[in-house]
Amino acid sequence: MPRNLNRRVEVIYPLTDERIASYLEDAVLKTYLADTSKARIMQPDGRYTRVRPSNQ
């Protein structure tokens, strides 16, 4: 999976508005986590295995 490590910017800040926090959790994060097209899970021994959709 290609990574952009040279021109990458990440910002972290606290969310004080409950409506925005709920929206991010319910809409944005659920959508992001539902995408398993290139997802991998690291095993205890350091190997990665692909995530398979639950309907297969």
C-alpha atoms as a PDB file:
ATOM      1  CA  MET A   1       0.000   0.000   0.000  1.00  0.00           C
ATOM      2  CA  PRO A   2       1.662   3.278  -1.051  1.00  0.00           C
ATOM      3  CA  ARG A   3       2.178   5.931   1.615  1.00  0.00           C
ATOM      4  CA  ASN A   4       2.758   9.671   1.383  1.00  0.00           C
ATOM      5  CA  LEU A   5       5.258  10.290   4.171  1.00  0.00           C
ATOM      6  CA  ASN A   6       7.063  13.309   2.675  1.00  0.00           C
ATOM      7  CA  ARG A   7       4.146  15.727   2.198  1.00  0.00           C
ATOM      8  CA  ARG A   8       1.829  14.502   4.932  1.00  0.00           C
ATOM      9  CA  VAL A   9       0.238  16.719   7.575  1.00  0.00           C
ATOM     10  CA  GLU A  10      -1.872  15.419  10.447  1.00  0.00           C
ATOM     11  CA  VAL A  11      -3.685  17.575  12.966  1.00  0.00           C
ATOM     12  CA  ILE A  12      -5.184  16.527  16.289  1.00  0.00           C
ATOM     13  CA  TYR A  13      -7.452  18.738  18.341  1.00  0.00           C
ATOM     14  CA  PRO A  14     -10.167  18.226  20.961  1.00  0.00           C
ATOM     15  CA  LEU A  15     -13.829  18.157  19.926  1.00  0.00           C
ATOM     16  CA  THR A  16     -15.940  20.114  22.365  1.00  0.00           C
ATOM     17  CA  ASP A  17     -19.170  20.197  20.326  1.00  0.00           C
ATOM     18  CA  GLU A  18     -21.101  16.952  20.939  1.00  0.00           C
ATOM     19  CA  ARG A  19     -23.007  17.278  17.647  1.00  0.00           C
ATOM     20  CA  ILE A  20     -19.800  17.371  15.622  1.00  0.00           C
ATOM     21  CA  ALA A  21     -18.308  14.491  17.613  1.00  0.00           C
ATOM     22  CA  SER A  22     -21.447  12.392  17.048  1.00  0.00           C
ATOM     23  CA  TYR A  23     -21.447  13.163  13.329  1.00  0.00           C
ATOM     24  CA  LEU A  24     -17.799  12.208  12.975  1.00  0.00           C
ATOM     25  CA  GLU A  25     -18.322   8.972  14.884  1.00  0.00           C
ATOM     26  CA  ASP A  26     -21.632   7.928  13.309  1.00  0.00           C
ATOM     27  CA  ALA A  27     -21.146   9.028   9.697  1.00  0.00           C
ATOM     28  CA  VAL A  28     -17.491   9.580   8.888  1.00  0.00           C
ATOM     29  CA  LEU A  29     -15.765   6.953  11.036  1.00  0.00           C
ATOM     30  CA  LYS A  30     -18.291   4.186  10.258  1.00  0.00           C
ATOM     31  CA  THR A  31     -17.880   4.812   6.531  1.00  0.00           C
ATOM     32  CA  TYR A  32     -14.097   4.870   6.830  1.00  0.00           C
ATOM     33  CA  LEU A  33     -13.975   1.610   8.807  1.00  0.00           C
ATOM     34  CA  ALA A  34     -16.441  -0.146   6.481  1.00  0.00           C
ATOM     35  CA  ASP A  35     -14.007   0.120   3.561  1.00  0.00           C
ATOM     36  CA  THR A  36     -12.029  -3.129   3.609  1.00  0.00           C
ATOM     37  CA  SER A  37     -10.743  -3.098   0.017  1.00  0.00           C
ATOM     38  CA  LYS A  38      -7.082  -2.873   1.102  1.00  0.00           C
ATOM     39  CA  ALA A  39      -7.446  -3.551   4.827  1.00  0.00           C
ATOM     40  CA  ARG A  40      -4.994  -5.759   6.703  1.00  0.00           C
ATOM     41  CA  ILE A  41      -4.802  -6.914  10.321  1.00  0.00           C
ATOM     42  CA  MET A  42      -1.441  -7.409  11.980  1.00  0.00           C
ATOM     43  CA  GLN A  43      -1.097 -10.805  13.630  1.00  0.00           C
ATOM     44  CA  PRO A  44       0.773 -11.401  16.930  1.00  0.00           C
ATOM     45  CA  ASP A  45       3.812 -12.659  15.015  1.00  0.00           C
ATOM     46  CA  GLY A  46       4.003  -9.475  12.899  1.00  0.00           C
ATOM     47  CA  ARG A  47       2.477 -10.909   9.719  1.00  0.00           C
ATOM     48  CA  TYR A  48      -0.463  -9.139   8.062  1.00  0.00           C
ATOM     49  CA  THR A  49      -3.585 -10.903   6.808  1.00  0.00           C
ATOM     50  CA  ARG A  50      -6.219  -9.433   4.503  1.00  0.00           C
ATOM     51  CA  VAL A  51      -9.625  -8.516   5.861  1.00  0.00           C
ATOM     52  CA  ARG A  52     -12.342 -10.365   3.964  1.00  0.00           C
ATOM     53  CA  PRO A  53     -15.920  -9.049   3.661  1.00  0.00           C
ATOM     54  CA  SER A  54     -18.285 -10.906   5.966  1.00  0.00           C
ATOM     55  CA  ASN A  55     -20.511 -12.063   3.061  1.00  0.00           C
ATOM     56  CA  GLN A  56     -17.739 -14.192   1.463  1.00  0.00           C
END
